[in-house]
Full PDB file with SEQRES, HELIX, SHEET, SSBOND, CRYST1, ORIGX, SCALE, CONECT and MASTER records, all heavy atoms in Angstrom:
SEQRES   1 A   36  ALA ILE LYS GLY PHE CYS GLU TYR LEU GLU ALA LYS GLY          
SEQRES   2 A   36  TYR TYR VAL CYS ILE TYR ALA ASN SER ASN TRP PHE LYS          
SEQRES   3 A   36  ASN TYR MET ASP LEU SER GLN LEU THR LYS                      
HELIX    1 AA1 ILE A    2  ALA A   11  1                                  10    
HELIX    2 AA2 SER A   22  ASN A   27  1                                   6    
HELIX    3 AA3 LEU A   31  GLN A   33  5                                   3    
CRYST1    1.000    1.000    1.000  90.00  90.00  90.00 P 1           1          
ORIGX1      1.000000  0.000000  0.000000        0.00000                         
ORIGX2      0.000000  1.000000  0.000000        0.00000                         
ORIGX3      0.000000  0.000000  1.000000        0.00000                         
SCALE1      1.000000  0.000000  0.000000        0.00000                         
SCALE2      0.000000  1.000000  0.000000        0.00000                         
SCALE3      0.000000  0.000000  1.000000        0.00000                         
ATOM      1  N   ALA A   1       0.871  -1.247  -0.027  1.00  0.00           N  
ATOM      2  CA  ALA A   1       0.009   0.002   0.028  1.00  0.00           C  
ATOM      3  C   ALA A   1       0.878   1.283   0.024  1.00  0.00           C  
ATOM      4  O   ALA A   1       0.570   2.250  -0.739  1.00  0.00           O  
ATOM      5  CB  ALA A   1      -0.959  -0.006   1.182  1.00  0.00           C  
ATOM      6  N   ILE A   2       1.935   1.284   0.802  1.00  0.00           N  
ATOM      7  CA  ILE A   2       2.836   2.424   0.883  1.00  0.00           C  
ATOM      8  C   ILE A   2       3.467   2.606  -0.538  1.00  0.00           C  
ATOM      9  O   ILE A   2       3.608   3.735  -0.977  1.00  0.00           O  
ATOM     10  CB  ILE A   2       3.926   2.168   1.957  1.00  0.00           C  
ATOM     11  CG1 ILE A   2       3.237   2.168   3.346  1.00  0.00           C  
ATOM     12  CG2 ILE A   2       4.953   3.234   1.821  1.00  0.00           C  
ATOM     13  CD1 ILE A   2       4.184   1.719   4.460  1.00  0.00           C  
ATOM     14  N   LYS A   3       3.940   1.497  -1.141  1.00  0.00           N  
ATOM     15  CA  LYS A   3       4.535   1.661  -2.486  1.00  0.00           C  
ATOM     16  C   LYS A   3       3.554   2.254  -3.506  1.00  0.00           C  
ATOM     17  O   LYS A   3       3.957   3.136  -4.285  1.00  0.00           O  
ATOM     18  CB  LYS A   3       4.937   0.235  -2.964  1.00  0.00           C  
ATOM     19  CG  LYS A   3       6.228  -0.282  -2.318  1.00  0.00           C  
ATOM     20  CD  LYS A   3       6.543  -1.613  -2.974  1.00  0.00           C  
ATOM     21  CE  LYS A   3       7.806  -2.233  -2.430  1.00  0.00           C  
ATOM     22  NZ  LYS A   3       8.110  -3.541  -3.018  1.00  0.00           N  
ATOM     23  N   GLY A   4       2.264   1.789  -3.451  1.00  0.00           N  
ATOM     24  CA  GLY A   4       1.316   2.310  -4.367  1.00  0.00           C  
ATOM     25  C   GLY A   4       1.113   3.842  -4.209  1.00  0.00           C  
ATOM     26  O   GLY A   4       1.094   4.576  -5.179  1.00  0.00           O  
ATOM     27  N   PHE A   5       1.090   4.323  -2.962  1.00  0.00           N  
ATOM     28  CA  PHE A   5       0.876   5.699  -2.632  1.00  0.00           C  
ATOM     29  C   PHE A   5       2.126   6.494  -3.075  1.00  0.00           C  
ATOM     30  O   PHE A   5       2.011   7.453  -3.842  1.00  0.00           O  
ATOM     31  CB  PHE A   5       0.662   5.859  -1.139  1.00  0.00           C  
ATOM     32  CG  PHE A   5       0.437   7.258  -0.695  1.00  0.00           C  
ATOM     33  CD1 PHE A   5      -0.865   7.776  -0.548  1.00  0.00           C  
ATOM     34  CD2 PHE A   5       1.480   8.116  -0.435  1.00  0.00           C  
ATOM     35  CE1 PHE A   5      -1.078   9.104  -0.119  1.00  0.00           C  
ATOM     36  CE2 PHE A   5       1.302   9.395   0.013  1.00  0.00           C  
ATOM     37  CZ  PHE A   5       0.004   9.891   0.166  1.00  0.00           C  
ATOM     38  N   CYS A   6       3.243   6.023  -2.683  1.00  0.00           N  
ATOM     39  CA  CYS A   6       4.490   6.807  -2.922  1.00  0.00           C  
ATOM     40  C   CYS A   6       4.864   6.850  -4.435  1.00  0.00           C  
ATOM     41  O   CYS A   6       5.274   7.885  -4.950  1.00  0.00           O  
ATOM     42  CB  CYS A   6       5.650   6.203  -2.076  1.00  0.00           C  
ATOM     43  SG  CYS A   6       5.452   6.490  -0.324  1.00  0.00           S  
ATOM     44  N   GLU A   7       4.721   5.684  -5.083  1.00  0.00           N  
ATOM     45  CA  GLU A   7       5.124   5.650  -6.491  1.00  0.00           C  
ATOM     46  C   GLU A   7       4.234   6.546  -7.351  1.00  0.00           C  
ATOM     47  O   GLU A   7       4.684   7.168  -8.321  1.00  0.00           O  
ATOM     48  CB  GLU A   7       5.103   4.199  -6.965  1.00  0.00           C  
ATOM     49  CG  GLU A   7       6.270   3.365  -6.428  1.00  0.00           C  
ATOM     50  CD  GLU A   7       6.179   1.901  -6.855  1.00  0.00           C  
ATOM     51  OE1 GLU A   7       5.352   1.507  -7.598  1.00  0.00           O  
ATOM     52  OE2 GLU A   7       7.006   1.145  -6.244  1.00  0.00           O  
ATOM     53  N   TYR A   8       2.949   6.602  -7.023  1.00  0.00           N  
ATOM     54  CA  TYR A   8       2.042   7.485  -7.808  1.00  0.00           C  
ATOM     55  C   TYR A   8       2.439   8.903  -7.654  1.00  0.00           C  
ATOM     56  O   TYR A   8       2.604   9.629  -8.648  1.00  0.00           O  
ATOM     57  CB  TYR A   8       0.610   7.325  -7.387  1.00  0.00           C  
ATOM     58  CG  TYR A   8      -0.334   8.217  -8.077  1.00  0.00           C  
ATOM     59  CD1 TYR A   8      -0.919   7.814  -9.287  1.00  0.00           C  
ATOM     60  CD2 TYR A   8      -0.679   9.488  -7.609  1.00  0.00           C  
ATOM     61  CE1 TYR A   8      -1.817   8.604  -9.972  1.00  0.00           C  
ATOM     62  CE2 TYR A   8      -1.541  10.342  -8.241  1.00  0.00           C  
ATOM     63  CZ  TYR A   8      -2.060   9.896  -9.499  1.00  0.00           C  
ATOM     64  OH  TYR A   8      -2.932  10.750 -10.148  1.00  0.00           O  
ATOM     65  N   LEU A   9       2.657   9.414  -6.449  1.00  0.00           N  
ATOM     66  CA  LEU A   9       2.985  10.810  -6.208  1.00  0.00           C  
ATOM     67  C   LEU A   9       4.410  11.139  -6.691  1.00  0.00           C  
ATOM     68  O   LEU A   9       4.668  12.201  -7.124  1.00  0.00           O  
ATOM     69  CB  LEU A   9       2.792  11.163  -4.783  1.00  0.00           C  
ATOM     70  CG  LEU A   9       1.306  11.275  -4.336  1.00  0.00           C  
ATOM     71  CD1 LEU A   9       1.206  11.612  -2.855  1.00  0.00           C  
ATOM     72  CD2 LEU A   9       0.532  12.319  -5.183  1.00  0.00           C  
ATOM     73  N   GLU A  10       5.316  10.182  -6.504  1.00  0.00           N  
ATOM     74  CA  GLU A  10       6.679  10.429  -6.982  1.00  0.00           C  
ATOM     75  C   GLU A  10       6.703  10.617  -8.494  1.00  0.00           C  
ATOM     76  O   GLU A  10       7.402  11.527  -9.036  1.00  0.00           O  
ATOM     77  CB  GLU A  10       7.606   9.206  -6.627  1.00  0.00           C  
ATOM     78  CG  GLU A  10       9.064   9.405  -6.867  1.00  0.00           C  
ATOM     79  CD  GLU A  10       9.888   8.233  -6.366  1.00  0.00           C  
ATOM     80  OE1 GLU A  10       9.479   7.095  -6.627  1.00  0.00           O  
ATOM     81  OE2 GLU A  10      10.943   8.521  -5.844  1.00  0.00           O  
ATOM     82  N   ALA A  11       5.845   9.874  -9.217  1.00  0.00           N  
ATOM     83  CA  ALA A  11       5.742  10.071 -10.671  1.00  0.00           C  
ATOM     84  C   ALA A  11       5.143  11.395 -11.044  1.00  0.00           C  
ATOM     85  O   ALA A  11       5.387  11.910 -12.160  1.00  0.00           O  
ATOM     86  CB  ALA A  11       4.919   8.915 -11.245  1.00  0.00           C  
ATOM     87  N   LYS A  12       4.390  11.993 -10.112  1.00  0.00           N  
ATOM     88  CA  LYS A  12       3.757  13.302 -10.360  1.00  0.00           C  
ATOM     89  C   LYS A  12       4.740  14.418  -9.955  1.00  0.00           C  
ATOM     90  O   LYS A  12       4.392  15.598 -10.089  1.00  0.00           O  
ATOM     91  CB  LYS A  12       2.511  13.433  -9.549  1.00  0.00           C  
ATOM     92  CG  LYS A  12       1.367  12.545 -10.025  1.00  0.00           C  
ATOM     93  CD  LYS A  12       0.798  13.058 -11.378  1.00  0.00           C  
ATOM     94  CE  LYS A  12      -0.434  12.337 -11.748  1.00  0.00           C  
ATOM     95  NZ  LYS A  12      -1.016  12.783 -13.056  1.00  0.00           N  
ATOM     96  N   GLY A  13       5.917  14.074  -9.448  1.00  0.00           N  
ATOM     97  CA  GLY A  13       6.905  15.122  -9.147  1.00  0.00           C  
ATOM     98  C   GLY A  13       6.892  15.591  -7.696  1.00  0.00           C  
ATOM     99  O   GLY A  13       7.323  16.679  -7.372  1.00  0.00           O  
ATOM    100  N   TYR A  14       6.466  14.661  -6.792  1.00  0.00           N  
ATOM    101  CA  TYR A  14       6.375  15.064  -5.395  1.00  0.00           C  
ATOM    102  C   TYR A  14       7.447  14.299  -4.567  1.00  0.00           C  
ATOM    103  O   TYR A  14       7.805  13.203  -4.934  1.00  0.00           O  
ATOM    104  CB  TYR A  14       5.004  14.771  -4.821  1.00  0.00           C  
ATOM    105  CG  TYR A  14       3.955  15.706  -5.313  1.00  0.00           C  
ATOM    106  CD1 TYR A  14       3.227  15.426  -6.477  1.00  0.00           C  
ATOM    107  CD2 TYR A  14       3.718  16.927  -4.672  1.00  0.00           C  
ATOM    108  CE1 TYR A  14       2.317  16.315  -6.943  1.00  0.00           C  
ATOM    109  CE2 TYR A  14       2.772  17.858  -5.176  1.00  0.00           C  
ATOM    110  CZ  TYR A  14       2.101  17.530  -6.316  1.00  0.00           C  
ATOM    111  OH  TYR A  14       1.180  18.385  -6.807  1.00  0.00           O  
ATOM    112  N   TYR A  15       7.941  14.959  -3.508  1.00  0.00           N  
ATOM    113  CA  TYR A  15       8.813  14.352  -2.525  1.00  0.00           C  
ATOM    114  C   TYR A  15       7.977  13.688  -1.502  1.00  0.00           C  
ATOM    115  O   TYR A  15       7.314  14.364  -0.712  1.00  0.00           O  
ATOM    116  CB  TYR A  15       9.762  15.462  -1.941  1.00  0.00           C  
ATOM    117  CG  TYR A  15      10.826  14.948  -1.018  1.00  0.00           C  
ATOM    118  CD1 TYR A  15      12.170  15.076  -1.303  1.00  0.00           C  
ATOM    119  CD2 TYR A  15      10.507  14.490   0.260  1.00  0.00           C  
ATOM    120  CE1 TYR A  15      13.160  14.649  -0.463  1.00  0.00           C  
ATOM    121  CE2 TYR A  15      11.503  14.021   1.136  1.00  0.00           C  
ATOM    122  CZ  TYR A  15      12.791  14.133   0.775  1.00  0.00           C  
ATOM    123  OH  TYR A  15      13.796  13.715   1.665  1.00  0.00           O  
ATOM    124  N   VAL A  16       7.996  12.365  -1.514  1.00  0.00           N  
ATOM    125  CA  VAL A  16       7.079  11.674  -0.601  1.00  0.00           C  
ATOM    126  C   VAL A  16       7.842  11.089   0.595  1.00  0.00           C  
ATOM    127  O   VAL A  16       9.070  10.767   0.475  1.00  0.00           O  
ATOM    128  CB  VAL A  16       6.336  10.528  -1.314  1.00  0.00           C  
ATOM    129  CG1 VAL A  16       5.278  11.139  -2.270  1.00  0.00           C  
ATOM    130  CG2 VAL A  16       7.247   9.648  -2.115  1.00  0.00           C  
ATOM    131  N   CYS A  17       7.166  10.880   1.683  1.00  0.00           N  
ATOM    132  CA  CYS A  17       7.761  10.218   2.830  1.00  0.00           C  
ATOM    133  C   CYS A  17       6.710   9.384   3.562  1.00  0.00           C  
ATOM    134  O   CYS A  17       5.523   9.448   3.242  1.00  0.00           O  
ATOM    135  CB  CYS A  17       8.464  11.278   3.791  1.00  0.00           C  
ATOM    136  SG  CYS A  17       7.382  12.187   4.783  1.00  0.00           S  
ATOM    137  N   ILE A  18       7.192   8.627   4.561  1.00  0.00           N  
ATOM    138  CA  ILE A  18       6.309   7.720   5.291  1.00  0.00           C  
ATOM    139  C   ILE A  18       6.291   8.184   6.756  1.00  0.00           C  
ATOM    140  O   ILE A  18       7.315   8.343   7.404  1.00  0.00           O  
ATOM    141  CB  ILE A  18       6.819   6.307   5.257  1.00  0.00           C  
ATOM    142  CG1 ILE A  18       7.050   5.865   3.767  1.00  0.00           C  
ATOM    143  CG2 ILE A  18       5.853   5.322   5.985  1.00  0.00           C  
ATOM    144  CD1 ILE A  18       7.925   4.611   3.642  1.00  0.00           C  
ATOM    145  N   TYR A  19       5.037   8.401   7.267  1.00  0.00           N  
ATOM    146  CA  TYR A  19       4.883   8.723   8.681  1.00  0.00           C  
ATOM    147  C   TYR A  19       4.416   7.457   9.455  1.00  0.00           C  
ATOM    148  O   TYR A  19       3.459   6.766   9.053  1.00  0.00           O  
ATOM    149  CB  TYR A  19       3.828   9.815   8.875  1.00  0.00           C  
ATOM    150  CG  TYR A  19       3.445   9.993  10.317  1.00  0.00           C  
ATOM    151  CD1 TYR A  19       4.160  10.843  11.142  1.00  0.00           C  
ATOM    152  CD2 TYR A  19       2.413   9.242  10.892  1.00  0.00           C  
ATOM    153  CE1 TYR A  19       3.809  11.043  12.483  1.00  0.00           C  
ATOM    154  CE2 TYR A  19       2.039   9.420  12.227  1.00  0.00           C  
ATOM    155  CZ  TYR A  19       2.737  10.268  13.060  1.00  0.00           C  
ATOM    156  OH  TYR A  19       2.417  10.419  14.385  1.00  0.00           O  
ATOM    157  N   ALA A  20       5.050   7.188  10.563  1.00  0.00           N  
ATOM    158  CA  ALA A  20       4.606   6.103  11.463  1.00  0.00           C  
ATOM    159  C   ALA A  20       5.386   6.238  12.728  1.00  0.00           C  
ATOM    160  O   ALA A  20       6.348   6.972  12.846  1.00  0.00           O  
ATOM    161  CB  ALA A  20       4.868   4.738  10.847  1.00  0.00           C  
ATOM    162  N   ASN A  21       4.913   5.591  13.817  1.00  0.00           N  
ATOM    163  CA  ASN A  21       5.722   5.539  15.012  1.00  0.00           C  
ATOM    164  C   ASN A  21       6.760   4.473  14.902  1.00  0.00           C  
ATOM    165  O   ASN A  21       6.719   3.603  13.978  1.00  0.00           O  
ATOM    166  CB  ASN A  21       4.828   5.447  16.244  1.00  0.00           C  
ATOM    167  CG  ASN A  21       4.087   4.102  16.327  1.00  0.00           C  
ATOM    168  OD1 ASN A  21       4.584   3.037  15.964  1.00  0.00           O  
ATOM    169  ND2 ASN A  21       2.763   4.171  16.755  1.00  0.00           N  
ATOM    170  N   SER A  22       7.703   4.422  15.883  1.00  0.00           N  
ATOM    171  CA  SER A  22       8.813   3.483  15.776  1.00  0.00           C  
ATOM    172  C   SER A  22       8.318   2.065  15.780  1.00  0.00           C  
ATOM    173  O   SER A  22       8.866   1.174  15.080  1.00  0.00           O  
ATOM    174  CB  SER A  22       9.731   3.715  17.009  1.00  0.00           C  
ATOM    175  OG  SER A  22      10.323   5.009  16.927  1.00  0.00           O  
ATOM    176  N   ASN A  23       7.274   1.759  16.518  1.00  0.00           N  
ATOM    177  CA  ASN A  23       6.719   0.358  16.594  1.00  0.00           C  
ATOM    178  C   ASN A  23       6.190  -0.026  15.212  1.00  0.00           C  
ATOM    179  O   ASN A  23       6.404  -1.200  14.793  1.00  0.00           O  
ATOM    180  CB  ASN A  23       5.640   0.315  17.661  1.00  0.00           C  
ATOM    181  CG  ASN A  23       4.999  -1.081  17.649  1.00  0.00           C  
ATOM    182  OD1 ASN A  23       5.692  -2.099  17.840  1.00  0.00           O  
ATOM    183  ND2 ASN A  23       3.718  -1.131  17.537  1.00  0.00           N  
ATOM    184  N   TRP A  24       5.454   0.858  14.557  1.00  0.00           N  
ATOM    185  CA  TRP A  24       4.903   0.541  13.221  1.00  0.00           C  
ATOM    186  C   TRP A  24       5.998   0.352  12.236  1.00  0.00           C  
ATOM    187  O   TRP A  24       5.918  -0.598  11.377  1.00  0.00           O  
ATOM    188  CB  TRP A  24       3.908   1.641  12.806  1.00  0.00           C  
ATOM    189  CG  TRP A  24       2.529   1.293  13.302  1.00  0.00           C  
ATOM    190  CD1 TRP A  24       2.070   1.435  14.563  1.00  0.00           C  
ATOM    191  CD2 TRP A  24       1.431   0.739  12.544  1.00  0.00           C  
ATOM    192  NE1 TRP A  24       0.749   1.026  14.628  1.00  0.00           N  
ATOM    193  CE2 TRP A  24       0.301   0.616  13.376  1.00  0.00           C  
ATOM    194  CE3 TRP A  24       1.236   0.440  11.183  1.00  0.00           C  
ATOM    195  CZ2 TRP A  24      -0.920   0.139  12.968  1.00  0.00           C  
ATOM    196  CZ3 TRP A  24       0.023  -0.041  10.763  1.00  0.00           C  
ATOM    197  CH2 TRP A  24      -1.030  -0.182  11.637  1.00  0.00           C  
ATOM    198  N   PHE A  25       7.026   1.184  12.258  1.00  0.00           N  
ATOM    199  CA  PHE A  25       8.117   1.023  11.300  1.00  0.00           C  
ATOM    200  C   PHE A  25       8.747  -0.363  11.446  1.00  0.00           C  
ATOM    201  O   PHE A  25       9.125  -1.012  10.523  1.00  0.00           O  
ATOM    202  CB  PHE A  25       9.162   2.119  11.476  1.00  0.00           C  
ATOM    203  CG  PHE A  25       8.920   3.369  10.763  1.00  0.00           C  
ATOM    204  CD1 PHE A  25       8.682   4.547  11.412  1.00  0.00           C  
ATOM    205  CD2 PHE A  25       8.803   3.316   9.388  1.00  0.00           C  
ATOM    206  CE1 PHE A  25       8.445   5.734  10.708  1.00  0.00           C  
ATOM    207  CE2 PHE A  25       8.534   4.537   8.664  1.00  0.00           C  
ATOM    208  CZ  PHE A  25       8.375   5.729   9.344  1.00  0.00           C  
ATOM    209  N   LYS A  26       8.891  -0.789  12.723  1.00  0.00           N  
ATOM    210  CA  LYS A  26       9.564  -2.058  13.023  1.00  0.00           C  
ATOM    211  C   LYS A  26       8.714  -3.292  12.742  1.00  0.00           C  
ATOM    212  O   LYS A  26       9.179  -4.262  12.171  1.00  0.00           O  
ATOM    213  CB  LYS A  26       9.986  -2.050  14.459  1.00  0.00           C  
ATOM    214  CG  LYS A  26      10.750  -3.292  14.915  1.00  0.00           C  
ATOM    215  CD  LYS A  26      11.202  -3.253  16.340  1.00  0.00           C  
ATOM    216  CE  LYS A  26      11.908  -4.466  16.809  1.00  0.00           C  
ATOM    217  NZ  LYS A  26      12.325  -4.473  18.217  1.00  0.00           N  
ATOM    218  N   ASN A  27       7.430  -3.200  13.103  1.00  0.00           N  
ATOM    219  CA  ASN A  27       6.601  -4.473  13.110  1.00  0.00           C  
ATOM    220  C   ASN A  27       5.511  -4.536  12.016  1.00  0.00           C  
ATOM    221  O   ASN A  27       4.923  -5.575  11.846  1.00  0.00           O  
ATOM    222  CB  ASN A  27       5.966  -4.596  14.481  1.00  0.00           C  
ATOM    223  CG  ASN A  27       6.977  -4.845  15.554  1.00  0.00           C  
ATOM    224  OD1 ASN A  27       7.873  -5.662  15.420  1.00  0.00           O  
ATOM    225  ND2 ASN A  27       6.918  -3.988  16.604  1.00  0.00           N  
ATOM    226  N   TYR A  28       5.184  -3.446  11.353  1.00  0.00           N  
ATOM    227  CA  TYR A  28       4.074  -3.455  10.444  1.00  0.00           C  
ATOM    228  C   TYR A  28       4.380  -3.159   8.988  1.00  0.00           C  
ATOM    229  O   TYR A  28       3.491  -3.028   8.152  1.00  0.00           O  
ATOM    230  CB  TYR A  28       2.985  -2.479  10.912  1.00  0.00           C  
ATOM    231  CG  TYR A  28       2.373  -2.913  12.240  1.00  0.00           C  
ATOM    232  CD1 TYR A  28       2.848  -2.511  13.471  1.00  0.00           C  
ATOM    233  CD2 TYR A  28       1.253  -3.831  12.225  1.00  0.00           C  
ATOM    234  CE1 TYR A  28       2.281  -2.934  14.634  1.00  0.00           C  
ATOM    235  CE2 TYR A  28       0.712  -4.245  13.413  1.00  0.00           C  
ATOM    236  CZ  TYR A  28       1.205  -3.808  14.597  1.00  0.00           C  
ATOM    237  OH  TYR A  28       0.643  -4.258  15.813  1.00  0.00           O  
ATOM    238  N   MET A  29       5.636  -3.010   8.617  1.00  0.00           N  
ATOM    239  CA  MET A  29       6.038  -2.841   7.238  1.00  0.00           C  
ATOM    240  C   MET A  29       7.492  -3.335   7.063  1.00  0.00           C  
ATOM    241  O   MET A  29       8.200  -3.538   8.053  1.00  0.00           O  
ATOM    242  CB  MET A  29       5.960  -1.270   6.877  1.00  0.00           C  
ATOM    243  CG  MET A  29       6.907  -0.430   7.633  1.00  0.00           C  
ATOM    244  SD  MET A  29       6.670   1.365   7.324  1.00  0.00           S  
ATOM    245  CE  MET A  29       5.247   1.680   8.320  1.00  0.00           C  
ATOM    246  N   ASP A  30       7.802  -3.637   5.798  1.00  0.00           N  
ATOM    247  CA  ASP A  30       9.115  -4.131   5.505  1.00  0.00           C  
ATOM    248  C   ASP A  30      10.014  -2.995   4.997  1.00  0.00           C  
ATOM    249  O   ASP A  30       9.950  -2.598   3.842  1.00  0.00           O  
ATOM    250  CB  ASP A  30       9.006  -5.217   4.432  1.00  0.00           C  
ATOM    251  CG  ASP A  30      10.312  -5.882   4.094  1.00  0.00           C  
ATOM    252  OD1 ASP A  30      11.386  -5.440   4.654  1.00  0.00           O  
ATOM    253  OD2 ASP A  30      10.342  -6.873   3.321  1.00  0.00           O  
ATOM    254  N   LEU A  31      10.851  -2.456   5.853  1.00  0.00           N  
ATOM    255  CA  LEU A  31      11.599  -1.285   5.524  1.00  0.00           C  
ATOM    256  C   LEU A  31      12.662  -1.598   4.453  1.00  0.00           C  
ATOM    257  O   LEU A  31      13.126  -0.632   3.763  1.00  0.00           O  
ATOM    258  CB  LEU A  31      12.284  -0.698   6.769  1.00  0.00           C  
ATOM    259  CG  LEU A  31      11.415   0.088   7.707  1.00  0.00           C  
ATOM    260  CD1 LEU A  31      12.207   0.536   8.980  1.00  0.00           C  
ATOM    261  CD2 LEU A  31      10.770   1.291   7.016  1.00  0.00           C  
ATOM    262  N   SER A  32      13.067  -2.835   4.302  1.00  0.00           N  
ATOM    263  CA  SER A  32      14.017  -3.169   3.279  1.00  0.00           C  
ATOM    264  C   SER A  32      13.517  -2.910   1.877  1.00  0.00           C  
ATOM    265  O   SER A  32      14.265  -2.715   0.943  1.00  0.00           O  
ATOM    266  CB  SER A  32      14.483  -4.584   3.402  1.00  0.00           C  
ATOM    267  OG  SER A  32      13.416  -5.506   3.037  1.00  0.00           O  
ATOM    268  N   GLN A  33      12.191  -2.823   1.750  1.00  0.00           N  
ATOM    269  CA  GLN A  33      11.604  -2.539   0.458  1.00  0.00           C  
ATOM    270  C   GLN A  33      11.259  -0.996   0.294  1.00  0.00           C  
ATOM    271  O   GLN A  33      10.755  -0.592  -0.749  1.00  0.00           O  
ATOM    272  CB  GLN A  33      10.264  -3.305   0.263  1.00  0.00           C  
ATOM    273  CG  GLN A  33      10.487  -4.848   0.296  1.00  0.00           C  
ATOM    274  CD  GLN A  33       9.117  -5.573   0.179  1.00  0.00           C  
ATOM    275  OE1 GLN A  33       8.313  -5.254  -0.754  1.00  0.00           O  
ATOM    276  NE2 GLN A  33       8.915  -6.499   1.003  1.00  0.00           N  
ATOM    277  N   LEU A  34      11.538  -0.205   1.319  1.00  0.00           N  
ATOM    278  CA  LEU A  34      11.133   1.191   1.319  1.00  0.00           C  
ATOM    279  C   LEU A  34      12.346   2.112   1.539  1.00  0.00           C  
ATOM    280  O   LEU A  34      12.139   3.250   2.038  1.00  0.00           O  
ATOM    281  CB  LEU A  34      10.077   1.401   2.409  1.00  0.00           C  
ATOM    282  CG  LEU A  34       8.782   0.539   2.210  1.00  0.00           C  
ATOM    283  CD1 LEU A  34       7.968   0.630   3.490  1.00  0.00           C  
ATOM    284  CD2 LEU A  34       8.001   0.995   1.008  1.00  0.00           C  
ATOM    285  N   THR A  35      13.552   1.646   1.260  1.00  0.00           N  
ATOM    286  CA  THR A  35      14.735   2.439   1.636  1.00  0.00           C  
ATOM    287  C   THR A  35      14.791   3.734   0.839  1.00  0.00           C  
ATOM    288  O   THR A  35      15.437   4.658   1.350  1.00  0.00           O  
ATOM    289  CB  THR A  35      15.990   1.608   1.360  1.00  0.00           C  
ATOM    290  OG1 THR A  35      15.986   1.158   0.006  1.00  0.00           O  
ATOM    291  CG2 THR A  35      16.084   0.407   2.268  1.00  0.00           C  
ATOM    292  N   LYS A  36      14.194   3.823  -0.331  1.00  0.00           N  
ATOM    293  CA  LYS A  36      14.304   5.084  -1.117  1.00  0.00           C  
ATOM    294  C   LYS A  36      13.488   6.173  -0.547  1.00  0.00           C  
ATOM    295  O   LYS A  36      13.677   7.357  -0.994  1.00  0.00           O  
ATOM    296  CB  LYS A  36      13.895   4.773  -2.590  1.00  0.00           C  
ATOM    297  CG  LYS A  36      12.464   4.467  -2.802  1.00  0.00           C  
ATOM    298  CD  LYS A  36      12.109   4.130  -4.233  1.00  0.00           C  
ATOM    299  CE  LYS A  36      12.278   5.294  -5.141  1.00  0.00           C  
ATOM    300  NZ  LYS A  36      11.805   5.029  -6.508  1.00  0.00           N  
TER     301      LYS A  36                                                      
MASTER        0    0    0    3    0    0    0    6  300    1    0    3          
END                                                                             
């Protein structure tokens, strides 16, 4: 879901980022796929 959101807006010329708390970054997403 994060990829879908970020890739769409990146293609539109936006600087995108991900907001979450430390627990969500660690346990609810795969950061190795979101390093960019």
